[in-house]
C-alpha cells in the first residue's frame, strides 16, 4: 500500500486550538541541498537555459541551499516549520557498483548529502536554536526496515543533540500499518507521510488520525508544491489551487499540512514557488489559522493525551 492508497476510517479528529479557525502545518523535506548532477541533467533537457545550469557547476554556486531564505520568510511572518532530514545511502559510497549505471539508482541515491558534512551540521544547529523543528526523513528503504530506521533516527539525533518527534518517509513510502508500528516503537509521536506528489487535496480527511487509538498520530499531506501548476508560467492558476484548499480548511476547521522542498525557494530554477508559499502562510494567518510545525501543533492541541489504554509494546 502506498501513501496515496491508504484510506482512513472517518474524517479524523480536528483538534484546532481555541481562538483559531483551522491549522496549517508547515514542512520541508531536505532531499538534495546541493545542486550537482542536476545541472548536467537540466542542461540537456532545457537547452534554452543550458548556460544557466552549467554555471551552477562553478565553485561557490549552489542555488539549492535555501535554508537562509526559508528562515527569513518564516521569521518575517512570525512562524516556524519542520525540516525533515534524510540519512540516505549515497550512490558511489554505499551502493554496489552494478547500480552505478542504473537510472533508478541515480534518481534515488545520487547527489545525497552526509549528516557529517560540517555545513549540514551547522544549519541543523541554527534551525534547532532558532525554534524550528528538525525531524526524520526516513530513507527510501526504511519504511519496512525498523533496524535501518532506528539507525537513521539515532544518527539524526546524535547530530542534532536532541530527540526528534516525527517526520515523513522518503518518496512517501508506507507499509500501512507496519511503518507506523515502527515509528511508534522507536518513540516518534507522529508521521506526516500519507499524501501525493501529484494531486492536492484532503484525500485522507480533514483531520488527524490515530491508527492505534493511542498517542501516535498521523498528519496527512494536503499539498506538495509539485502538485501545483507551475507558478512561473501561471501564478494565478497555482494560487487558485492553494486558495481553494485554504478556504476548505477554514470552512471545515481542518488540519492542513503542506510540503515545500527547500530547493523550490530558488527563483532562478523554480520561479514563483517561494511567493506562493509566502502568500499561503500569510493568507492563513490573516484568517486566524494556527500556523507552525507538526510537533508544535501536537503539543498545542494536546495530542499526547492517550485515548485508550497503553498498548502492548512492539518488539524491538
Protein backbone atom coordinates (compact mmCIF):
# COMPACT_ATOMS: atom_id res chain seq x y z
CA UNK A 1 0.00 0.00 0.00
CA UNK A 2 1.33 3.44 -0.91
CA UNK A 3 0.83 6.71 0.91
CA UNK A 4 -1.71 7.64 -1.77
CA UNK A 5 -3.71 4.40 -1.50
CA UNK A 6 -4.30 4.45 2.26
CA UNK A 7 -7.84 5.35 3.21
CA UNK A 8 -8.54 6.07 6.90
CA UNK A 9 -11.70 5.22 8.79
CA UNK A 10 -13.53 8.50 9.14
CA UNK A 11 -12.54 12.11 8.61
CA UNK A 12 -10.21 12.30 11.61
CA UNK A 13 -10.03 14.50 14.69
CA UNK A 14 -9.89 18.26 14.20
CA UNK A 15 -8.30 19.50 17.43
CA UNK A 16 -7.79 23.10 16.36
CA UNK A 17 -6.62 25.15 19.37
CA UNK A 18 -9.08 27.67 20.80
CA UNK A 19 -9.08 31.01 19.06
CA UNK A 20 -8.15 29.59 15.66
CA UNK A 21 -10.27 28.72 12.64
CA UNK A 22 -8.06 25.91 11.32
CA UNK A 23 -4.49 24.67 11.45
CA UNK A 24 -1.75 24.93 8.81
CA UNK A 25 1.29 22.70 9.38
CA UNK A 26 4.46 23.70 7.53
CA UNK A 27 7.05 21.10 6.48
CA UNK A 28 10.17 20.87 4.31
CA UNK A 29 11.82 17.61 3.18
CA UNK A 30 15.58 18.12 2.89
CA UNK A 31 16.37 15.85 -0.06
CA UNK A 32 19.17 17.48 -2.05
CA UNK A 33 20.51 20.79 -0.70
CA UNK A 34 23.35 20.71 -3.26
CA UNK A 35 22.80 21.11 -7.00
CA UNK A 36 25.28 18.63 -8.51
CA UNK A 37 24.41 16.20 -11.30
CA UNK A 38 21.08 18.01 -11.75
CA UNK A 39 22.99 20.80 -13.52
CA UNK A 40 24.01 18.41 -16.29
CA UNK A 41 20.55 16.85 -16.49
CA UNK A 42 18.80 20.22 -16.83
CA UNK A 43 21.44 21.45 -19.28
CA UNK A 44 20.45 18.57 -21.57
CA UNK A 45 16.68 18.77 -21.02
CA UNK A 46 16.38 22.59 -21.07
CA UNK A 47 18.60 23.70 -23.96
CA UNK A 48 17.31 27.26 -23.77
CA UNK A 49 18.78 27.57 -20.25
CA UNK A 50 21.87 25.40 -20.77
CA UNK A 51 24.38 28.08 -19.81
CA UNK A 52 22.43 28.92 -16.67
CA UNK A 53 22.53 25.34 -15.44
CA UNK A 54 26.17 24.75 -16.38
CA UNK A 55 27.20 27.91 -14.50
CA UNK A 56 25.80 26.31 -11.35
CA UNK A 57 28.66 23.80 -11.51
CA UNK A 58 31.19 26.57 -10.83
CA UNK A 59 32.76 26.76 -7.36
CA UNK A 60 30.80 28.82 -4.87
CA UNK A 61 27.47 28.47 -6.67
CA UNK A 62 24.76 26.36 -5.06
CA UNK A 63 21.23 27.62 -5.73
CA UNK A 64 19.60 24.73 -3.85
CA UNK A 65 20.99 25.86 -0.48
CA UNK A 66 17.91 27.84 0.54
CA UNK A 67 17.76 27.39 4.32
CA UNK A 68 18.50 31.05 4.95
CA UNK A 69 15.73 32.20 2.65
CA UNK A 70 13.15 29.89 4.19
CA UNK A 71 14.16 31.11 7.64
CA UNK A 72 13.91 34.76 6.59
CA UNK A 73 10.45 34.29 5.07
CA UNK A 74 9.12 32.45 8.08
CA UNK A 75 10.80 34.73 10.58
CA UNK A 76 9.20 37.77 8.95
CA UNK A 77 5.80 36.07 9.12
CA UNK A 78 6.39 35.02 12.73
CA UNK A 79 6.06 31.27 12.12
CA UNK A 80 8.20 28.15 12.39
CA UNK A 81 8.15 24.97 10.32
CA UNK A 82 9.66 21.49 10.35
CA UNK A 83 12.69 20.37 8.33
CA UNK A 84 12.88 16.60 7.82
CA UNK A 85 16.46 15.38 7.47
CA UNK A 86 17.46 12.45 5.25
CA UNK A 87 20.17 9.95 6.17
CA UNK A 88 20.16 8.27 2.78
CA UNK A 89 22.64 5.92 1.15
CA UNK A 90 24.88 7.58 -1.42
CA UNK A 91 25.33 6.11 -4.88
CA UNK A 92 29.11 5.79 -5.15
CA UNK A 93 29.85 5.39 -1.44
CA UNK A 94 27.12 2.98 -0.31
CA UNK A 95 25.52 1.24 -3.29
CA UNK A 96 27.06 -1.71 -5.23
CA UNK A 97 28.99 -0.89 -8.44
CA UNK A 98 26.42 -2.76 -10.55
CA UNK A 99 23.96 0.08 -9.80
CA UNK A 100 26.23 2.94 -10.82
CA UNK A 101 24.85 2.98 -14.37
CA UNK A 102 21.23 2.50 -13.31
CA UNK A 103 18.93 5.47 -13.89
CA UNK A 104 16.78 4.41 -10.92
CA UNK A 105 19.85 4.33 -8.69
CA UNK A 106 20.89 7.79 -9.85
CA UNK A 107 17.39 9.09 -9.13
CA UNK A 108 17.31 7.55 -5.65
CA UNK A 109 20.87 7.84 -4.40
CA UNK A 110 22.92 10.31 -6.46
CA UNK A 111 23.64 13.74 -5.02
CA UNK A 112 22.64 12.87 -1.46
CA UNK A 113 24.30 14.66 1.44
CA UNK A 114 26.04 13.39 4.54
CA UNK A 115 24.94 14.28 8.06
CA UNK A 116 28.65 14.53 8.85
CA UNK A 117 29.03 17.45 6.42
CA UNK A 118 30.02 20.46 8.59
CA UNK A 119 27.65 22.75 6.65
CA UNK A 120 24.74 20.39 7.26
CA UNK A 121 25.60 20.12 10.94
CA UNK A 122 25.83 23.90 11.18
CA UNK A 123 22.49 24.61 9.55
CA UNK A 124 20.73 21.98 11.66
CA UNK A 125 22.11 23.61 14.80
CA UNK A 126 20.91 27.01 13.56
CA UNK A 127 17.43 25.64 12.87
CA UNK A 128 17.22 23.97 16.27
CA UNK A 129 18.44 27.05 18.10
CA UNK A 130 16.05 29.28 16.16
CA UNK A 131 12.97 27.33 17.18
CA UNK A 132 12.44 25.28 14.02
CA UNK A 133 11.58 21.61 14.32
CA UNK A 134 14.12 19.17 12.88
CA UNK A 135 12.63 15.75 12.19
CA UNK A 136 13.38 12.47 10.45
CA UNK A 137 13.01 11.89 6.71
CA UNK A 138 13.14 8.10 6.63
CA UNK A 139 15.26 6.82 3.73
CA UNK A 140 13.83 5.08 0.67
CA UNK A 141 14.33 1.57 2.07
CA UNK A 142 13.49 2.32 5.72
CA UNK A 143 9.70 2.15 5.58
CA UNK A 144 9.75 -1.64 6.11
CA UNK A 145 13.09 -1.92 7.92
CA UNK A 146 12.88 -0.97 11.58
CA UNK A 147 16.59 -1.53 12.19
CA UNK A 148 17.55 0.84 9.39
CA UNK A 149 15.05 3.44 10.57
CA UNK A 150 16.38 3.12 14.12
CA UNK A 151 19.95 3.77 12.91
CA UNK A 152 18.85 6.78 10.89
CA UNK A 153 16.91 8.25 13.78
CA UNK A 154 19.89 7.75 16.11
CA UNK A 155 22.22 9.43 13.61
CA UNK A 156 19.98 12.47 13.18
CA UNK A 157 19.59 12.79 16.95
CA UNK A 158 23.33 12.49 17.52
CA UNK A 159 23.96 15.35 15.07
CA UNK A 160 21.07 17.42 16.41
CA UNK A 161 21.79 16.85 20.09
CA UNK A 162 18.14 16.20 20.93
CA UNK A 163 15.34 13.75 20.20
CA UNK A 164 13.23 14.01 17.06
CA UNK A 165 9.44 13.92 17.38
CA UNK A 166 8.30 12.74 13.96
CA UNK A 167 8.82 13.08 10.25
CA UNK A 168 7.95 11.80 6.80
CA UNK A 169 9.08 8.81 4.77
CA UNK A 170 11.11 9.50 1.63
CA UNK A 171 9.03 9.26 -1.56
CA UNK A 172 6.01 8.90 0.78
CA UNK A 173 6.76 5.17 1.11
CA UNK A 174 4.44 3.39 3.52
CA UNK A 175 3.50 -0.12 4.53
CA UNK A 176 0.30 0.51 6.47
CA UNK A 177 0.14 -0.06 9.37
CA UNK A 178 3.58 -1.66 9.78
CA UNK A 179 5.58 1.51 9.04
CA UNK A 180 3.63 3.29 11.76
CA UNK A 181 4.30 0.44 14.17
CA UNK A 182 7.99 1.05 13.54
CA UNK A 183 7.57 4.78 14.14
CA UNK A 184 5.68 4.24 17.37
CA UNK A 185 8.12 1.59 18.63
CA UNK A 186 11.03 3.99 18.02
CA UNK A 187 9.37 6.68 20.11
CA UNK A 188 8.08 9.01 17.39
CA UNK A 189 4.94 11.00 18.12
CA UNK A 190 3.70 11.34 14.55
CA UNK A 191 4.09 10.62 10.85
CA UNK A 192 3.27 13.01 8.00
CA UNK A 193 3.67 10.67 5.01
CA UNK A 194 0.19 9.91 3.60
CA UNK A 195 -0.36 12.04 0.54
CA UNK A 196 0.56 12.57 -3.08
CA UNK A 197 3.24 14.38 -5.04
CA UNK A 198 0.88 14.98 -7.97
CA UNK A 199 -2.60 15.54 -6.51
CA UNK A 200 -3.54 18.21 -3.96
CA UNK A 201 -6.48 17.88 -1.63
CA UNK A 202 -7.93 16.45 1.58
CA UNK A 203 -7.93 12.92 0.20
CA UNK A 204 -7.33 11.41 3.66
CA UNK A 205 -9.83 13.54 5.52
CA UNK A 206 -9.74 16.93 7.19
CA UNK A 207 -8.25 15.85 10.49
CA UNK A 208 -5.64 13.95 12.44
CA UNK A 209 -5.73 10.15 12.62
CA UNK A 210 -4.78 7.71 15.40
CA UNK A 211 -4.08 4.35 13.72
CA UNK A 212 -3.59 2.59 17.07
CA UNK A 213 -6.08 4.66 19.07
CA UNK A 214 -3.29 5.95 21.28
CA UNK A 215 -0.98 8.97 21.36
CA UNK A 216 0.71 8.25 17.99
CA UNK A 217 -0.90 10.37 15.27
CA UNK A 218 -0.83 10.76 11.51
CA UNK A 219 -0.96 14.11 9.73
CA UNK A 220 -1.98 13.54 6.08
CA UNK A 221 -0.24 15.69 3.48
CA UNK A 222 -2.67 18.08 1.81
CA UNK A 223 -0.34 19.81 -0.66
CA UNK A 224 3.13 19.22 -2.03
CA UNK A 225 4.43 22.04 -4.20
CA UNK A 226 4.97 19.63 -7.12
CA UNK A 227 1.18 19.19 -7.37
CA UNK A 228 0.69 22.85 -8.30
CA UNK A 229 0.52 24.32 -11.78
CA UNK A 230 3.92 25.91 -12.38
CA UNK A 231 3.63 29.40 -10.84
CA UNK A 232 6.47 30.57 -13.07
CA UNK A 233 4.14 30.01 -16.04
CA UNK A 234 0.82 30.91 -14.41
CA UNK A 235 0.94 32.25 -10.87
CA UNK A 236 -2.83 32.78 -10.72
CA UNK A 237 -3.50 29.11 -11.52
CA UNK A 238 -1.10 27.95 -8.81
CA UNK A 239 -2.55 30.34 -6.26
CA UNK A 240 -6.12 29.29 -7.12
CA UNK A 241 -5.32 25.72 -6.05
CA UNK A 242 -3.89 26.98 -2.75
CA UNK A 243 -6.75 29.35 -2.09
CA UNK A 244 -9.36 26.66 -2.70
CA UNK A 245 -7.60 24.37 -0.21
CA UNK A 246 -7.27 27.13 2.36
CA UNK A 247 -10.95 28.05 2.09
CA UNK A 248 -11.89 24.39 2.51
CA UNK A 249 -9.57 24.11 5.51
CA UNK A 250 -11.15 27.19 7.12
CA UNK A 251 -14.71 26.05 6.41
CA UNK A 252 -14.04 22.54 7.74
CA UNK A 253 -11.89 23.57 10.73
CA UNK A 254 -9.30 21.26 9.19
CA UNK A 255 -5.71 20.37 9.92
CA UNK A 256 -3.91 21.14 6.64
CA UNK A 257 -0.32 20.08 6.01
CA UNK A 258 1.89 21.44 3.24
CA UNK A 259 5.34 20.45 1.95
CA UNK A 260 7.77 22.80 0.19
CA UNK A 261 11.21 21.33 -0.60
CA UNK A 262 13.94 23.88 0.17
CA UNK A 263 15.27 23.86 -3.42
CA UNK A 264 11.92 25.27 -4.61
CA UNK A 265 12.79 28.55 -2.91
CA UNK A 266 15.39 29.38 -5.57
CA UNK A 267 13.78 31.78 -8.03
CA UNK A 268 16.18 31.06 -10.88
CA UNK A 269 15.30 27.38 -11.09
CA UNK A 270 11.77 27.41 -9.65
CA UNK A 271 10.32 30.90 -10.15
CA UNK A 272 7.19 31.76 -8.21
CA UNK A 273 7.17 28.90 -5.70
CA UNK A 274 8.59 30.95 -2.83
CA UNK A 275 5.99 33.65 -3.48
CA UNK A 276 3.16 31.12 -3.41
CA UNK A 277 4.45 29.73 -0.11
CA UNK A 278 4.70 33.20 1.44
CA UNK A 279 1.19 34.12 0.27
CA UNK A 280 -0.24 30.82 1.50
CA UNK A 281 1.12 31.32 5.00
CA UNK A 282 0.08 34.99 5.08
CA UNK A 283 -3.48 34.13 3.99
CA UNK A 284 -3.76 31.52 6.74
CA UNK A 285 -2.52 33.96 9.37
CA UNK A 286 -4.98 36.61 8.19
CA UNK A 287 -7.78 34.05 8.60
CA UNK A 288 -6.80 33.27 12.21
CA UNK A 289 -5.25 29.89 11.49
CA UNK A 290 -2.89 28.17 13.88
CA UNK A 291 0.35 28.00 11.84
CA UNK A 292 3.51 26.12 12.73
CA UNK A 293 5.35 22.82 12.79
CA UNK A 294 3.68 19.44 13.38
CA UNK A 295 5.50 18.89 16.69
CA UNK A 296 4.41 22.31 17.98
CA UNK A 297 0.84 21.59 16.90
CA UNK A 298 0.97 18.18 18.58
CA UNK A 299 1.73 19.93 21.85
CA UNK A 300 -0.63 22.89 21.36
CA UNK A 301 -3.54 20.57 20.55
CA UNK A 302 -2.82 18.18 23.42
CA UNK A 303 -2.49 15.20 21.11
CA UNK A 304 -0.24 13.35 23.54
CA UNK A 305 -3.13 12.52 25.80
CA UNK A 306 -3.97 8.88 25.24
CA UNK A 307 -7.47 7.95 24.17
CA UNK A 308 -7.13 4.31 25.17
CA UNK A 309 -5.12 2.12 27.48
CA UNK A 310 -1.42 1.83 26.85
CA UNK A 311 -0.98 -0.74 24.07
CA UNK A 312 1.43 -3.61 24.44
CA UNK A 313 4.91 -2.56 23.40
CA UNK A 314 6.05 -3.70 19.98
CA UNK A 315 9.08 -6.00 19.95
CA UNK A 316 12.42 -4.23 19.42
